[in-house]
Amino acid sequence: MNTMSRVSLGGVVAVAAVITVGLGSASAAPNYDTLPVNPNVITDSTAYVPVAPVADPDGQQGVRQEFNHRDGSRGITTTILVLPSAQAATDAMNAWRDGLGSVVTNPTSGPVPVGTGGTWVTGVSPNGTQSVGVLMFTRGNAAVDVQFDGPLNDPVPPDLATQYGDDQVAAIDRQLGT
């Protein structure tokens, strides 16, 4: 009887070990909700109110987060896609660049020293009622698109957008280890 107890106990331990290892090794889907930089940190204010982040925007792994100014005059939308490779991130950024006509009219653009391939595009919303600035860059396998909407006569300053981008690069490095 003692032998049977040992076998049974050994079997239970073995089953418990398999179950524990199996549960411990299952990888959870990554949560990128904290990846977008909160603009209140940069502006040292509480002026921006975050909207709940959207996981896997447009069916792509990553996150989209909107921050709206409390007076309704400005908005910042950050989209970060976490893709299989740096080339896939570059391809995503190029696709965004190709689609800018639906976001900004009469654009002016130029390179900015943010991430890889940093580009700053400014202009007017298609309906002519807002200023629009778009910062795009990649960092490793992450593609980042940040859209700044504001009053027509008061666009976001390029240096603030660049600082926001630099902070976003740092957040990606911390959280994704790029």
N, C-alpha and C. Protein backbone atom coordinates (compact mmCIF):
# COMPACT_ATOMS: atom_id res chain seq x y z
N MET A 1 0.81 -1.19 0.00
CA MET A 1 0.00 0.00 0.00
C MET A 1 0.85 1.25 0.00
N ASN A 2 1.95 1.20 0.73
CA ASN A 2 2.84 2.34 0.72
C ASN A 2 3.40 2.60 -0.68
N THR A 3 3.68 1.56 -1.41
CA THR A 3 4.19 1.71 -2.77
C THR A 3 3.16 2.38 -3.66
N MET A 4 1.93 1.96 -3.52
CA MET A 4 0.86 2.55 -4.32
C MET A 4 0.71 4.04 -4.01
N SER A 5 0.81 4.39 -2.73
CA SER A 5 0.70 5.79 -2.34
C SER A 5 1.84 6.60 -2.94
N ARG A 6 3.01 6.03 -2.95
CA ARG A 6 4.15 6.76 -3.51
C ARG A 6 3.97 6.96 -5.01
N VAL A 7 3.51 5.94 -5.69
CA VAL A 7 3.29 6.05 -7.13
C VAL A 7 2.23 7.09 -7.41
N SER A 8 1.13 7.01 -6.66
CA SER A 8 0.06 7.98 -6.87
C SER A 8 0.54 9.38 -6.57
N LEU A 9 1.25 9.53 -5.48
CA LEU A 9 1.76 10.84 -5.11
C LEU A 9 2.74 11.34 -6.17
N GLY A 10 3.60 10.43 -6.62
CA GLY A 10 4.54 10.81 -7.67
C GLY A 10 3.83 11.23 -8.93
N GLY A 11 2.77 10.52 -9.28
CA GLY A 11 1.98 10.87 -10.46
C GLY A 11 1.33 12.22 -10.32
N VAL A 12 0.82 12.52 -9.13
CA VAL A 12 0.18 13.82 -8.88
C VAL A 12 1.21 14.93 -8.99
N VAL A 13 2.39 14.69 -8.40
CA VAL A 13 3.45 15.69 -8.49
C VAL A 13 3.85 15.90 -9.94
N ALA A 14 3.98 14.81 -10.68
CA ALA A 14 4.35 14.92 -12.09
C ALA A 14 3.29 15.69 -12.87
N VAL A 15 2.03 15.37 -12.64
CA VAL A 15 0.94 16.08 -13.32
C VAL A 15 0.94 17.55 -12.92
N ALA A 16 1.13 17.81 -11.62
CA ALA A 16 1.15 19.19 -11.16
C ALA A 16 2.30 19.95 -11.80
N ALA A 17 3.46 19.30 -11.92
CA ALA A 17 4.60 19.96 -12.54
C ALA A 17 4.33 20.27 -14.00
N VAL A 18 3.72 19.35 -14.72
CA VAL A 18 3.40 19.58 -16.12
C VAL A 18 2.40 20.71 -16.27
N ILE A 19 1.38 20.71 -15.43
CA ILE A 19 0.37 21.78 -15.50
C ILE A 19 1.00 23.12 -15.17
N THR A 20 1.82 23.18 -14.12
CA THR A 20 2.45 24.43 -13.73
C THR A 20 3.38 24.94 -14.83
N VAL A 21 4.20 24.08 -15.37
CA VAL A 21 5.11 24.48 -16.43
C VAL A 21 4.31 24.91 -17.66
N GLY A 22 3.29 24.17 -17.98
CA GLY A 22 2.47 24.52 -19.14
C GLY A 22 1.82 25.88 -18.98
N LEU A 23 1.29 26.17 -17.80
CA LEU A 23 0.66 27.46 -17.58
C LEU A 23 1.69 28.58 -17.56
N GLY A 24 2.83 28.30 -16.96
CA GLY A 24 3.86 29.31 -16.86
C GLY A 24 4.50 29.65 -18.20
N SER A 25 4.50 28.72 -19.13
CA SER A 25 5.18 28.98 -20.39
C SER A 25 4.26 29.58 -21.45
N ALA A 26 2.97 29.62 -21.21
CA ALA A 26 2.06 30.22 -22.18
C ALA A 26 2.30 31.72 -22.21
N SER A 27 2.55 32.26 -23.38
CA SER A 27 2.83 33.69 -23.46
C SER A 27 1.53 34.45 -23.70
N ALA A 28 1.35 35.48 -22.90
CA ALA A 28 0.17 36.33 -23.05
C ALA A 28 0.41 37.30 -24.20
N ALA A 29 -0.65 37.74 -24.81
CA ALA A 29 -0.52 38.75 -25.87
C ALA A 29 0.07 40.01 -25.25
N PRO A 30 1.01 40.65 -25.94
CA PRO A 30 1.63 41.85 -25.39
C PRO A 30 0.59 42.97 -25.23
N ASN A 31 0.79 43.77 -24.20
CA ASN A 31 -0.07 44.91 -23.95
C ASN A 31 0.73 46.18 -24.22
N TYR A 32 0.37 46.90 -25.25
CA TYR A 32 1.09 48.10 -25.63
C TYR A 32 0.39 49.37 -25.16
N ASP A 33 -0.62 49.25 -24.30
CA ASP A 33 -1.42 50.40 -23.88
C ASP A 33 -0.61 51.52 -23.25
N THR A 34 0.49 51.19 -22.60
CA THR A 34 1.29 52.23 -21.95
C THR A 34 2.41 52.76 -22.84
N LEU A 35 2.49 52.31 -24.05
CA LEU A 35 3.56 52.73 -24.95
C LEU A 35 3.45 54.18 -25.41
N PRO A 36 2.26 54.69 -25.78
CA PRO A 36 2.20 56.09 -26.22
C PRO A 36 2.55 57.05 -25.08
N VAL A 37 3.32 58.07 -25.42
CA VAL A 37 3.72 59.09 -24.45
C VAL A 37 2.53 60.00 -24.17
N ASN A 38 2.30 60.27 -22.90
CA ASN A 38 1.25 61.20 -22.50
C ASN A 38 1.77 62.63 -22.68
N PRO A 39 1.12 63.46 -23.48
CA PRO A 39 1.62 64.81 -23.73
C PRO A 39 1.66 65.68 -22.48
N ASN A 40 0.92 65.34 -21.45
CA ASN A 40 0.97 66.12 -20.21
C ASN A 40 2.35 66.07 -19.58
N VAL A 41 3.09 65.00 -19.82
CA VAL A 41 4.44 64.88 -19.28
C VAL A 41 5.36 65.90 -19.96
N ILE A 42 5.19 66.09 -21.24
CA ILE A 42 6.03 67.01 -22.00
C ILE A 42 5.66 68.46 -21.72
N THR A 43 4.36 68.73 -21.65
CA THR A 43 3.91 70.11 -21.46
C THR A 43 3.84 70.50 -19.99
N ASP A 44 4.12 69.55 -19.09
CA ASP A 44 4.08 69.78 -17.65
C ASP A 44 2.73 70.38 -17.24
N SER A 45 1.68 69.70 -17.67
CA SER A 45 0.33 70.19 -17.39
C SER A 45 -0.63 69.01 -17.26
N THR A 46 -1.87 69.34 -17.09
CA THR A 46 -2.93 68.33 -17.13
C THR A 46 -3.94 68.73 -18.20
N ALA A 47 -3.46 69.40 -19.22
CA ALA A 47 -4.34 69.94 -20.25
C ALA A 47 -4.93 68.86 -21.16
N TYR A 48 -4.25 67.75 -21.31
CA TYR A 48 -4.71 66.71 -22.24
C TYR A 48 -5.39 65.57 -21.50
N VAL A 49 -6.52 65.17 -22.03
CA VAL A 49 -7.30 64.08 -21.44
C VAL A 49 -7.17 62.86 -22.35
N PRO A 50 -6.66 61.75 -21.81
CA PRO A 50 -6.50 60.56 -22.66
C PRO A 50 -7.83 59.87 -22.93
N VAL A 51 -7.97 59.37 -24.14
CA VAL A 51 -9.08 58.52 -24.53
C VAL A 51 -8.56 57.09 -24.38
N ALA A 52 -9.43 56.15 -24.09
CA ALA A 52 -8.99 54.76 -23.92
C ALA A 52 -8.21 54.30 -25.15
N PRO A 53 -7.06 53.67 -24.94
CA PRO A 53 -6.26 53.19 -26.08
C PRO A 53 -6.98 52.10 -26.86
N VAL A 54 -6.67 52.02 -28.13
CA VAL A 54 -7.22 51.00 -29.02
C VAL A 54 -6.11 50.00 -29.32
N ALA A 55 -6.30 48.77 -28.91
CA ALA A 55 -5.30 47.73 -29.19
C ALA A 55 -5.42 47.27 -30.63
N ASP A 56 -4.28 46.99 -31.22
CA ASP A 56 -4.20 46.44 -32.57
C ASP A 56 -5.03 47.23 -33.59
N PRO A 57 -4.69 48.52 -33.75
CA PRO A 57 -5.46 49.36 -34.68
C PRO A 57 -5.39 48.83 -36.11
N ASP A 58 -6.51 48.87 -36.78
CA ASP A 58 -6.62 48.42 -38.18
C ASP A 58 -6.09 47.00 -38.37
N GLY A 59 -6.22 46.18 -37.32
CA GLY A 59 -5.80 44.78 -37.42
C GLY A 59 -4.30 44.55 -37.33
N GLN A 60 -3.54 45.59 -37.02
CA GLN A 60 -2.08 45.48 -36.90
C GLN A 60 -1.70 45.46 -35.43
N GLN A 61 -0.69 44.68 -35.07
CA GLN A 61 -0.25 44.62 -33.68
C GLN A 61 0.30 45.97 -33.26
N GLY A 62 -0.20 46.49 -32.16
CA GLY A 62 0.25 47.78 -31.66
C GLY A 62 -0.85 48.48 -30.88
N VAL A 63 -0.83 49.81 -30.91
CA VAL A 63 -1.79 50.60 -30.14
C VAL A 63 -2.01 51.96 -30.79
N ARG A 64 -3.21 52.49 -30.61
CA ARG A 64 -3.52 53.87 -31.01
C ARG A 64 -4.12 54.55 -29.79
N GLN A 65 -3.63 55.76 -29.51
CA GLN A 65 -4.14 56.50 -28.35
C GLN A 65 -4.36 57.95 -28.74
N GLU A 66 -5.51 58.46 -28.35
CA GLU A 66 -5.84 59.87 -28.57
C GLU A 66 -5.75 60.61 -27.25
N PHE A 67 -5.28 61.85 -27.34
CA PHE A 67 -5.26 62.76 -26.20
C PHE A 67 -5.91 64.05 -26.68
N ASN A 68 -6.98 64.46 -26.02
CA ASN A 68 -7.69 65.67 -26.42
C ASN A 68 -7.49 66.76 -25.38
N HIS A 69 -7.22 67.97 -25.88
CA HIS A 69 -7.08 69.10 -24.97
C HIS A 69 -8.40 69.33 -24.26
N ARG A 70 -8.33 69.67 -23.01
CA ARG A 70 -9.57 69.81 -22.22
C ARG A 70 -10.50 70.88 -22.75
N ASP A 71 -9.97 71.88 -23.50
CA ASP A 71 -10.86 72.90 -24.06
C ASP A 71 -11.33 72.55 -25.47
N GLY A 72 -10.93 71.37 -25.95
CA GLY A 72 -11.39 70.91 -27.26
C GLY A 72 -10.67 71.53 -28.45
N SER A 73 -9.66 72.35 -28.19
CA SER A 73 -8.98 73.05 -29.29
C SER A 73 -7.89 72.24 -29.97
N ARG A 74 -7.37 71.22 -29.31
CA ARG A 74 -6.24 70.45 -29.84
C ARG A 74 -6.44 68.96 -29.59
N GLY A 75 -5.76 68.19 -30.42
CA GLY A 75 -5.75 66.75 -30.22
C GLY A 75 -4.45 66.15 -30.71
N ILE A 76 -4.03 65.10 -30.06
CA ILE A 76 -2.84 64.36 -30.46
C ILE A 76 -3.24 62.89 -30.55
N THR A 77 -2.99 62.29 -31.70
CA THR A 77 -3.28 60.87 -31.89
C THR A 77 -1.98 60.15 -32.22
N THR A 78 -1.61 59.22 -31.38
CA THR A 78 -0.38 58.45 -31.58
C THR A 78 -0.75 57.03 -31.98
N THR A 79 -0.18 56.58 -33.10
CA THR A 79 -0.34 55.20 -33.54
C THR A 79 1.04 54.55 -33.57
N ILE A 80 1.16 53.43 -32.88
CA ILE A 80 2.42 52.69 -32.86
C ILE A 80 2.11 51.26 -33.29
N LEU A 81 2.73 50.85 -34.38
CA LEU A 81 2.59 49.48 -34.84
C LEU A 81 3.87 48.73 -34.50
N VAL A 82 3.73 47.56 -33.93
CA VAL A 82 4.88 46.71 -33.59
C VAL A 82 4.85 45.56 -34.59
N LEU A 83 5.79 45.60 -35.51
CA LEU A 83 5.77 44.71 -36.67
C LEU A 83 6.89 43.67 -36.59
N PRO A 84 6.87 42.69 -37.48
CA PRO A 84 7.86 41.60 -37.40
C PRO A 84 9.30 42.02 -37.66
N SER A 85 9.51 43.14 -38.37
CA SER A 85 10.88 43.52 -38.72
C SER A 85 10.98 45.03 -38.91
N ALA A 86 12.22 45.52 -38.93
CA ALA A 86 12.45 46.93 -39.20
C ALA A 86 11.98 47.29 -40.61
N GLN A 87 12.14 46.39 -41.56
CA GLN A 87 11.68 46.66 -42.93
C GLN A 87 10.16 46.80 -42.98
N ALA A 88 9.46 45.95 -42.23
CA ALA A 88 8.00 46.05 -42.18
C ALA A 88 7.58 47.38 -41.56
N ALA A 89 8.33 47.86 -40.57
CA ALA A 89 8.04 49.16 -39.96
C ALA A 89 8.25 50.29 -40.98
N THR A 90 9.33 50.21 -41.74
CA THR A 90 9.59 51.21 -42.79
C THR A 90 8.49 51.17 -43.84
N ASP A 91 8.07 49.99 -44.23
CA ASP A 91 6.98 49.87 -45.21
C ASP A 91 5.69 50.50 -44.68
N ALA A 92 5.40 50.30 -43.40
CA ALA A 92 4.19 50.89 -42.80
C ALA A 92 4.29 52.41 -42.80
N MET A 93 5.47 52.94 -42.44
CA MET A 93 5.66 54.39 -42.44
C MET A 93 5.50 54.95 -43.85
N ASN A 94 6.04 54.27 -44.83
CA ASN A 94 5.90 54.73 -46.22
C ASN A 94 4.44 54.70 -46.67
N ALA A 95 3.69 53.71 -46.23
CA ALA A 95 2.26 53.65 -46.57
C ALA A 95 1.52 54.82 -45.93
N TRP A 96 1.86 55.15 -44.68
CA TRP A 96 1.25 56.31 -44.04
C TRP A 96 1.58 57.58 -44.83
N ARG A 97 2.84 57.71 -45.22
CA ARG A 97 3.26 58.89 -45.97
C ARG A 97 2.48 58.99 -47.28
N ASP A 98 2.28 57.87 -47.95
CA ASP A 98 1.52 57.87 -49.21
C ASP A 98 0.06 58.25 -49.00
N GLY A 99 -0.48 58.03 -47.81
CA GLY A 99 -1.88 58.34 -47.53
C GLY A 99 -2.11 59.68 -46.87
N LEU A 100 -1.08 60.51 -46.79
CA LEU A 100 -1.22 61.79 -46.09
C LEU A 100 -2.22 62.74 -46.75
N GLY A 101 -2.50 62.57 -48.02
CA GLY A 101 -3.44 63.46 -48.70
C GLY A 101 -4.82 63.46 -48.08
N SER A 102 -5.19 62.39 -47.42
CA SER A 102 -6.50 62.34 -46.77
C SER A 102 -6.48 62.99 -45.39
N VAL A 103 -5.29 63.39 -44.92
CA VAL A 103 -5.14 63.96 -43.58
C VAL A 103 -4.75 65.43 -43.62
N VAL A 104 -3.89 65.78 -44.56
CA VAL A 104 -3.35 67.14 -44.61
C VAL A 104 -3.27 67.62 -46.06
N THR A 105 -3.72 68.86 -46.27
CA THR A 105 -3.63 69.46 -47.61
C THR A 105 -2.57 70.55 -47.59
N ASN A 106 -2.07 70.88 -48.78
CA ASN A 106 -1.00 71.87 -48.92
C ASN A 106 0.15 71.59 -47.97
N PRO A 107 0.65 70.35 -47.96
CA PRO A 107 1.67 69.99 -46.98
C PRO A 107 3.05 70.54 -47.31
N THR A 108 3.78 70.82 -46.27
CA THR A 108 5.22 71.04 -46.37
C THR A 108 5.85 69.96 -45.48
N SER A 109 6.97 69.45 -45.92
CA SER A 109 7.58 68.37 -45.14
C SER A 109 9.08 68.48 -45.16
N GLY A 110 9.67 67.81 -44.20
CA GLY A 110 11.12 67.77 -44.12
C GLY A 110 11.55 66.73 -43.10
N PRO A 111 12.83 66.38 -43.17
CA PRO A 111 13.35 65.40 -42.22
C PRO A 111 13.50 66.01 -40.82
N VAL A 112 13.35 65.18 -39.81
CA VAL A 112 13.60 65.58 -38.43
C VAL A 112 14.45 64.49 -37.77
N PRO A 113 15.29 64.88 -36.82
CA PRO A 113 16.18 63.90 -36.18
C PRO A 113 15.47 63.10 -35.08
N VAL A 114 14.46 62.34 -35.48
CA VAL A 114 13.70 61.52 -34.53
C VAL A 114 13.67 60.10 -35.08
N GLY A 115 14.12 59.13 -34.29
CA GLY A 115 14.09 57.74 -34.72
C GLY A 115 14.83 57.57 -36.03
N THR A 116 14.35 56.65 -36.85
CA THR A 116 14.90 56.41 -38.19
C THR A 116 13.88 56.90 -39.20
N GLY A 117 14.36 57.67 -40.18
CA GLY A 117 13.47 58.16 -41.23
C GLY A 117 12.49 59.21 -40.75
N GLY A 118 12.82 59.91 -39.66
CA GLY A 118 11.91 60.90 -39.10
C GLY A 118 11.49 61.95 -40.12
N THR A 119 10.19 62.17 -40.22
CA THR A 119 9.62 63.12 -41.16
C THR A 119 8.57 63.95 -40.45
N TRP A 120 8.59 65.26 -40.68
CA TRP A 120 7.61 66.19 -40.11
C TRP A 120 6.85 66.82 -41.27
N VAL A 121 5.54 66.67 -41.26
CA VAL A 121 4.68 67.20 -42.32
C VAL A 121 3.66 68.13 -41.67
N THR A 122 3.51 69.34 -42.23
CA THR A 122 2.52 70.27 -41.70
C THR A 122 1.65 70.78 -42.83
N GLY A 123 0.46 71.20 -42.46
CA GLY A 123 -0.48 71.75 -43.43
C GLY A 123 -1.81 72.03 -42.77
N VAL A 124 -2.86 71.87 -43.56
CA VAL A 124 -4.21 72.19 -43.13
C VAL A 124 -5.07 70.94 -43.31
N SER A 125 -6.06 70.79 -42.44
CA SER A 125 -6.99 69.66 -42.58
C SER A 125 -7.74 69.77 -43.91
N PRO A 126 -8.18 68.65 -44.46
CA PRO A 126 -8.89 68.69 -45.75
C PRO A 126 -10.10 69.63 -45.78
N ASN A 127 -10.77 69.81 -44.64
CA ASN A 127 -11.91 70.73 -44.62
C ASN A 127 -11.51 72.17 -44.34
N GLY A 128 -10.20 72.41 -44.16
CA GLY A 128 -9.68 73.77 -44.01
C GLY A 128 -9.92 74.42 -42.67
N THR A 129 -10.30 73.65 -41.64
CA THR A 129 -10.64 74.26 -40.36
C THR A 129 -9.57 74.11 -39.28
N GLN A 130 -8.56 73.27 -39.50
CA GLN A 130 -7.56 73.02 -38.47
C GLN A 130 -6.16 72.97 -39.06
N SER A 131 -5.18 73.27 -38.21
CA SER A 131 -3.80 72.99 -38.57
C SER A 131 -3.56 71.51 -38.29
N VAL A 132 -2.70 70.90 -39.09
CA VAL A 132 -2.36 69.49 -38.91
C VAL A 132 -0.84 69.35 -39.03
N GLY A 133 -0.26 68.65 -38.08
CA GLY A 133 1.14 68.27 -38.15
C GLY A 133 1.23 66.78 -37.95
N VAL A 134 2.06 66.13 -38.75
CA VAL A 134 2.22 64.68 -38.63
C VAL A 134 3.71 64.37 -38.51
N LEU A 135 4.05 63.65 -37.46
CA LEU A 135 5.41 63.18 -37.23
C LEU A 135 5.41 61.68 -37.46
N MET A 136 6.29 61.22 -38.35
CA MET A 136 6.41 59.79 -38.64
C MET A 136 7.86 59.37 -38.49
N PHE A 137 8.07 58.18 -37.93
CA PHE A 137 9.41 57.62 -37.82
C PHE A 137 9.31 56.15 -37.47
N THR A 138 10.43 55.47 -37.54
CA THR A 138 10.50 54.10 -37.07
C THR A 138 11.55 54.01 -35.99
N ARG A 139 11.41 52.97 -35.18
CA ARG A 139 12.41 52.66 -34.16
C ARG A 139 12.44 51.14 -34.07
N GLY A 140 13.49 50.54 -34.61
CA GLY A 140 13.54 49.09 -34.67
C GLY A 140 12.37 48.58 -35.49
N ASN A 141 11.58 47.69 -34.91
CA ASN A 141 10.44 47.13 -35.64
C ASN A 141 9.13 47.87 -35.33
N ALA A 142 9.23 49.07 -34.77
CA ALA A 142 8.04 49.88 -34.47
C ALA A 142 7.92 51.02 -35.48
N ALA A 143 6.72 51.19 -36.00
CA ALA A 143 6.40 52.34 -36.86
C ALA A 143 5.52 53.27 -36.05
N VAL A 144 5.85 54.57 -36.09
CA VAL A 144 5.14 55.54 -35.26
C VAL A 144 4.60 56.67 -36.13
N ASP A 145 3.33 57.01 -35.90
CA ASP A 145 2.66 58.12 -36.57
C ASP A 145 1.98 58.94 -35.48
N VAL A 146 2.37 60.21 -35.36
CA VAL A 146 1.76 61.09 -34.37
C VAL A 146 1.13 62.25 -35.11
N GLN A 147 -0.18 62.42 -34.95
CA GLN A 147 -0.89 63.51 -35.61
C GLN A 147 -1.29 64.55 -34.58
N PHE A 148 -0.91 65.80 -34.85
CA PHE A 148 -1.23 66.93 -33.99
C PHE A 148 -2.26 67.79 -34.72
N ASP A 149 -3.44 67.93 -34.15
CA ASP A 149 -4.48 68.79 -34.71
C ASP A 149 -4.66 69.98 -33.79
N GLY A 150 -4.86 71.16 -34.39
CA GLY A 150 -5.03 72.36 -33.57
C GLY A 150 -5.69 73.48 -34.33
N PRO A 151 -5.75 74.65 -33.70
CA PRO A 151 -6.35 75.79 -34.37
C PRO A 151 -5.61 76.13 -35.66
N LEU A 152 -6.36 76.61 -36.62
CA LEU A 152 -5.79 76.93 -37.93
C LEU A 152 -4.63 77.91 -37.83
N ASN A 153 -4.76 78.89 -36.95
CA ASN A 153 -3.73 79.93 -36.83
C ASN A 153 -2.69 79.64 -35.75
N ASP A 154 -2.70 78.43 -35.18
CA ASP A 154 -1.77 78.11 -34.10
C ASP A 154 -1.32 76.65 -34.18
N PRO A 155 -0.56 76.30 -35.22
CA PRO A 155 -0.10 74.90 -35.35
C PRO A 155 0.90 74.55 -34.26
N VAL A 156 1.05 73.26 -34.02
CA VAL A 156 2.02 72.80 -33.03
C VAL A 156 3.42 73.20 -33.50
N PRO A 157 4.24 73.74 -32.60
CA PRO A 157 5.61 74.10 -32.99
C PRO A 157 6.43 72.85 -33.31
N PRO A 158 7.26 72.91 -34.35
CA PRO A 158 8.07 71.74 -34.73
C PRO A 158 8.97 71.24 -33.60
N ASP A 159 9.50 72.17 -32.77
CA ASP A 159 10.38 71.72 -31.69
C ASP A 159 9.61 70.93 -30.63
N LEU A 160 8.35 71.27 -30.39
CA LEU A 160 7.54 70.50 -29.45
C LEU A 160 7.23 69.11 -30.03
N ALA A 161 6.93 69.06 -31.31
CA ALA A 161 6.68 67.77 -31.97
C ALA A 161 7.94 66.89 -31.93
N THR A 162 9.08 67.50 -32.16
CA THR A 162 10.35 66.76 -32.12
C THR A 162 10.63 66.24 -30.71
N GLN A 163 10.39 67.08 -29.70
CA GLN A 163 10.57 66.64 -28.32
C GLN A 163 9.63 65.48 -28.00
N TYR A 164 8.39 65.58 -28.45
CA TYR A 164 7.42 64.50 -28.24
C TYR A 164 7.94 63.22 -28.89
N GLY A 165 8.46 63.35 -30.11
CA GLY A 165 9.02 62.20 -30.82
C GLY A 165 10.20 61.58 -30.09
N ASP A 166 11.09 62.43 -29.58
CA ASP A 166 12.24 61.92 -28.82
C ASP A 166 11.78 61.16 -27.58
N ASP A 167 10.78 61.70 -26.90
CA ASP A 167 10.25 61.00 -25.72
C ASP A 167 9.59 59.68 -26.11
N GLN A 168 8.96 59.65 -27.29
CA GLN A 168 8.33 58.42 -27.76
C GLN A 168 9.39 57.38 -28.10
N VAL A 169 10.50 57.81 -28.70
CA VAL A 169 11.62 56.89 -28.98
C VAL A 169 12.12 56.29 -27.67
N ALA A 170 12.29 57.13 -26.64
CA ALA A 170 12.77 56.63 -25.35
C ALA A 170 11.79 55.62 -24.75
N ALA A 171 10.49 55.88 -24.88
CA ALA A 171 9.48 54.94 -24.35
C ALA A 171 9.54 53.61 -25.10
N ILE A 172 9.72 53.67 -26.40
CA ILE A 172 9.83 52.44 -27.20
C ILE A 172 11.07 51.66 -26.77
N ASP A 173 12.18 52.36 -26.60
CA ASP A 173 13.41 51.69 -26.17
C ASP A 173 13.22 51.01 -24.81
N ARG A 174 12.58 51.71 -23.88
CA ARG A 174 12.35 51.15 -22.53
C ARG A 174 11.44 49.93 -22.58
N GLN A 175 10.35 50.05 -23.32
CA GLN A 175 9.33 49.01 -23.26
C GLN A 175 9.52 47.87 -24.26
N LEU A 176 10.13 48.18 -25.39
CA LEU A 176 10.32 47.13 -26.40
C LEU A 176 11.76 46.65 -26.48
N GLY A 177 12.66 47.39 -25.83
CA GLY A 177 14.06 46.99 -25.82
C GLY A 177 14.73 47.10 -27.16
N THR A 178 14.35 48.10 -27.96
CA THR A 178 14.97 48.24 -29.29
C THR A 178 16.30 48.93 -29.20
